[in-house]
Protein backbone atom coordinates (compact mmCIF):
# COMPACT_ATOMS: atom_id res chain seq x y z
CA MET A 1 -0.31 -0.04 0.35
CA PRO A 2 1.55 3.28 -0.84
CA SER A 3 2.55 5.68 2.15
CA PRO A 4 0.78 8.77 2.61
CA SER A 5 3.19 10.79 1.06
CA SER A 6 3.65 9.37 -2.21
CA ARG A 7 -0.35 9.27 -2.81
CA ILE A 8 0.47 13.05 -1.88
CA VAL A 9 2.99 13.29 -4.14
CA ALA A 10 0.80 11.21 -6.83
CA VAL A 11 -2.24 14.15 -5.81
CA ALA A 12 0.08 17.00 -6.90
CA ALA A 13 1.61 15.49 -10.22
CA ALA A 14 -2.42 14.70 -11.40
CA LEU A 15 -3.25 18.38 -10.59
CA ALA A 16 -0.49 19.45 -12.53
CA THR A 17 -1.21 17.69 -14.69
CA ALA A 18 -4.58 18.93 -14.96
CA ALA A 19 -3.60 22.36 -14.99
CA VAL A 20 -1.85 21.90 -17.88
CA VAL A 21 -4.37 20.32 -19.56
CA ALA A 22 -6.61 22.82 -19.18
CA SER A 23 -4.52 25.86 -20.65
CA CYS A 24 -3.73 23.90 -23.51
CA SER A 25 -7.57 23.41 -23.65
CA ALA A 26 -8.20 26.53 -22.65
CA ALA A 27 -5.74 28.47 -25.37
CA THR A 28 -6.52 25.90 -28.49
CA ASP A 29 -10.00 26.32 -28.43
CA HIS A 30 -11.32 29.97 -30.25
CA SER A 31 -12.76 28.24 -32.63
CA GLN A 32 -15.93 27.03 -30.42
CA HIS A 33 -16.46 30.85 -28.64
CA GLY A 34 -17.09 30.73 -24.78
CA SER A 35 -16.13 27.03 -24.46
CA SER A 36 -13.20 27.45 -23.80
CA ALA A 37 -13.64 28.83 -20.33
CA THR A 38 -16.30 25.80 -19.66
CA THR A 39 -13.26 23.82 -20.98
CA SER A 40 -10.59 24.86 -17.97
CA SER A 41 -13.55 25.15 -15.46
CA ALA A 42 -15.13 21.97 -15.98
CA VAL A 43 -11.13 20.79 -14.23
CA VAL A 44 -11.24 22.58 -11.16
CA ALA A 45 -12.56 19.87 -8.77
CA ALA A 46 -15.70 21.35 -5.89
CA HIS A 47 -14.14 23.25 -3.53
CA ASN A 48 -15.63 26.03 -0.90
CA ALA A 49 -13.51 28.94 1.46
CA ASP A 50 -12.98 26.49 4.32
CA ASP A 51 -10.75 24.16 1.61
CA VAL A 52 -9.06 27.54 0.32
CA MET A 53 -8.46 29.07 4.65
CA PHE A 54 -6.79 25.15 5.09
CA ALA A 55 -4.41 25.85 2.00
CA GLN A 56 -3.29 29.20 2.70
CA MET A 57 -2.59 28.50 6.38
CA MET A 58 -1.30 25.25 6.80
CA ILE A 59 1.47 26.07 3.68
CA PRO A 60 2.96 28.56 6.00
CA HIS A 61 2.63 25.87 8.77
CA HIS A 62 4.76 23.12 7.10
CA GLN A 63 7.09 25.37 6.10
CA GLN A 64 8.10 26.36 9.59
CA ALA A 65 8.24 22.66 10.14
CA VAL A 66 10.56 21.83 7.20
CA GLU A 67 12.35 25.24 8.80
CA LEU A 68 12.90 23.21 11.85
CA SER A 69 13.71 20.33 10.87
CA ALA A 70 17.11 21.99 8.84
CA LEU A 71 18.36 23.30 12.42
CA VAL A 72 18.69 19.49 14.03
CA PRO A 73 21.99 18.00 11.79
CA GLN A 74 23.64 21.27 12.97
CA HIS A 75 22.82 21.06 16.81
CA THR A 76 22.68 18.03 17.72
CA ALA A 77 25.03 13.92 17.43
CA ASN A 78 21.08 12.56 18.17
CA GLN A 79 20.65 9.65 14.93
CA ALA A 80 17.12 8.81 15.91
CA LEU A 81 16.10 13.31 15.90
CA VAL A 82 18.61 13.57 12.34
CA ALA A 83 16.22 10.82 11.12
CA LEU A 84 12.66 11.94 11.92
CA ALA A 85 13.46 15.44 11.24
CA ALA A 86 14.50 14.49 7.49
CA LYS A 87 10.98 12.39 7.81
CA ILE A 88 8.99 15.17 9.07
CA SER A 89 10.31 17.21 6.30
CA GLY A 90 10.17 14.85 3.42
CA GLU A 91 6.00 14.61 4.18
CA GLN A 92 5.83 18.41 4.16
CA GLN A 93 7.42 19.13 1.18
CA PRO A 94 5.52 17.60 -0.67
CA GLU A 95 2.38 18.42 0.66
CA ILE A 96 3.37 22.37 0.44
CA ASN A 97 3.61 21.56 -3.19
CA ALA A 98 0.49 19.48 -3.47
CA MET A 99 -1.63 22.25 -1.64
CA LYS A 100 0.11 25.24 -3.37
CA ALA A 101 -0.68 23.50 -7.27
CA LEU A 102 -4.34 23.19 -5.41
CA LEU A 103 -4.71 26.76 -5.20
CA LEU A 104 -3.36 27.43 -8.83
CA GLN A 105 -5.90 25.16 -10.21
CA TRP A 106 -8.88 26.87 -7.64
CA ASP A 107 -7.21 30.35 -9.10
CA VAL A 108 -6.18 31.61 -6.05
CA ASP A 109 -2.45 32.47 -5.38
CA PRO A 110 -0.49 30.58 -2.92
CA GLY A 111 2.09 33.13 -1.52
CA ALA A 112 -0.91 34.62 -0.02
CA MET A 113 -2.90 34.15 2.72
CA GLY A 114 -5.93 36.12 2.08
CA ASP A 115 -8.07 37.14 4.76
CA HIS A 116 -6.21 35.11 7.46
CA SER A 117 -3.23 36.88 7.90
CA GLY A 118 -4.03 38.26 11.57
CA MET A 119 -5.21 34.83 12.68
CA ALA A 120 -3.13 32.83 14.79
CA MET A 121 -1.92 29.12 13.44
CA GLN A 122 -2.06 26.86 16.06
CA GLY A 123 1.16 25.73 17.38
CA MET A 124 3.35 28.35 15.73
CA VAL A 125 7.16 27.92 16.90
CA ASP A 126 7.44 31.56 18.42
CA ASP A 127 10.42 34.11 17.18
CA ALA A 128 12.16 33.66 21.11
CA THR A 129 11.92 29.89 20.85
CA MET A 130 13.07 30.06 17.70
CA ALA A 131 16.34 32.00 18.82
CA LYS A 132 16.69 29.83 21.51
CA LEU A 133 16.23 26.23 19.34
CA ASN A 134 19.33 28.14 17.50
CA SER A 135 21.55 28.91 20.25
CA LEU A 136 21.52 25.75 22.02
CA ARG A 137 23.54 22.33 21.02
CA GLY A 138 22.75 18.62 22.12
CA PRO A 139 20.55 17.03 24.89
CA GLU A 140 19.20 20.72 25.59
CA PHE A 141 18.15 20.99 21.62
CA ASP A 142 16.37 17.84 21.23
CA THR A 143 14.12 18.59 24.66
CA LEU A 144 13.16 21.87 23.19
CA TRP A 145 12.69 20.86 19.13
CA LEU A 146 11.02 17.79 20.36
CA GLN A 147 8.31 19.92 22.48
CA SER A 148 8.21 22.43 20.11
CA MET A 149 7.14 20.42 17.54
CA ILE A 150 5.14 18.26 19.05
CA ASN A 151 2.88 21.23 19.73
CA HIS A 152 3.42 22.52 16.18
CA HIS A 153 1.76 18.87 14.96
CA GLN A 154 -0.42 19.15 17.17
CA GLY A 155 -1.67 22.17 15.91
CA ALA A 156 -1.58 21.10 12.16
CA ILE A 157 -3.99 18.45 13.59
CA GLU A 158 -6.07 20.92 14.85
CA MET A 159 -6.61 22.57 11.67
CA ALA A 160 -6.29 19.57 9.90
CA ASN A 161 -9.13 18.29 11.28
CA ASN A 162 -11.45 21.57 10.81
CA GLU A 163 -10.57 20.58 6.97
CA ILE A 164 -12.06 17.47 7.31
CA ALA A 165 -15.29 18.66 9.10
CA LYS A 166 -15.91 21.03 6.65
CA GLY A 167 -13.51 21.23 3.70
CA GLN A 168 -15.20 20.08 0.05
CA SER A 169 -12.28 19.29 -2.22
CA ALA A 170 -11.95 15.85 -2.22
CA ASP A 171 -7.81 16.20 -2.74
CA MET A 172 -7.84 18.28 0.44
CA ILE A 173 -9.51 15.89 2.62
CA THR A 174 -7.41 13.44 1.28
CA MET A 175 -4.00 15.19 2.14
CA ALA A 176 -5.38 16.16 5.87
CA LYS A 177 -6.40 12.89 6.80
CA ALA A 178 -2.76 11.68 5.43
CA MET A 179 -1.30 14.51 7.31
CA VAL A 180 -3.59 13.55 10.77
CA ALA A 181 -2.67 10.30 10.04
CA ALA A 182 1.07 10.62 10.18
CA GLN A 183 1.71 13.80 12.07
CA GLN A 184 -0.64 11.74 15.41
CA ALA A 185 2.41 8.76 14.56
CA GLU A 186 4.98 11.30 15.07
CA ILE A 187 3.70 12.84 18.62
CA ASN A 188 3.92 9.63 19.55
CA GLN A 189 6.89 9.16 18.71
CA MET A 190 8.69 11.95 19.95
CA LYS A 191 6.60 11.94 23.19
CA GLN A 192 8.63 8.59 23.53
CA MET A 193 11.86 10.26 22.90
CA LEU A 194 11.25 12.84 25.43
CA GLY A 195 10.60 9.33 28.18
CA GLU A 196 6.96 10.40 28.30
């Protein structure tokens, strides 16, 4: 059975293909007036404002997880932590790419936060903690990193569960379910690493 991240990569590839097909058919359909718009919009699957908000907020949330993961090799010799950070980054970067592809399909700027820029995203690591992580090495770094990432994952799960409950896009809901499963398993692993 393919892993959640490989399914997400497949979704991203399918979306990219659909976007190309839509733009090609829109470009070549000049002879049939008005049908080019229908051709390209037919490719765009149903979605709602909750799907858009989820993607716009989860992209920067995931980007911070990738950034946190990138700190690990320079700050610890703990190989279990290095492997976990690489796994998290390896899962979340393809999800970022897939969410950006979906937003482009929906004609939404993937770099824009819409009306959500003032909203707090659950689990985000504050600047003071990021600075502290940058200053620590070894076991002290490991402990703070694990505590921060557990909280970060819990925030992502809360956001993903909201998407599962309120979203309309089948692709986005599938991705949200994969996030919940992967990140809950990682929370359990990180708690074990902390001895909880």
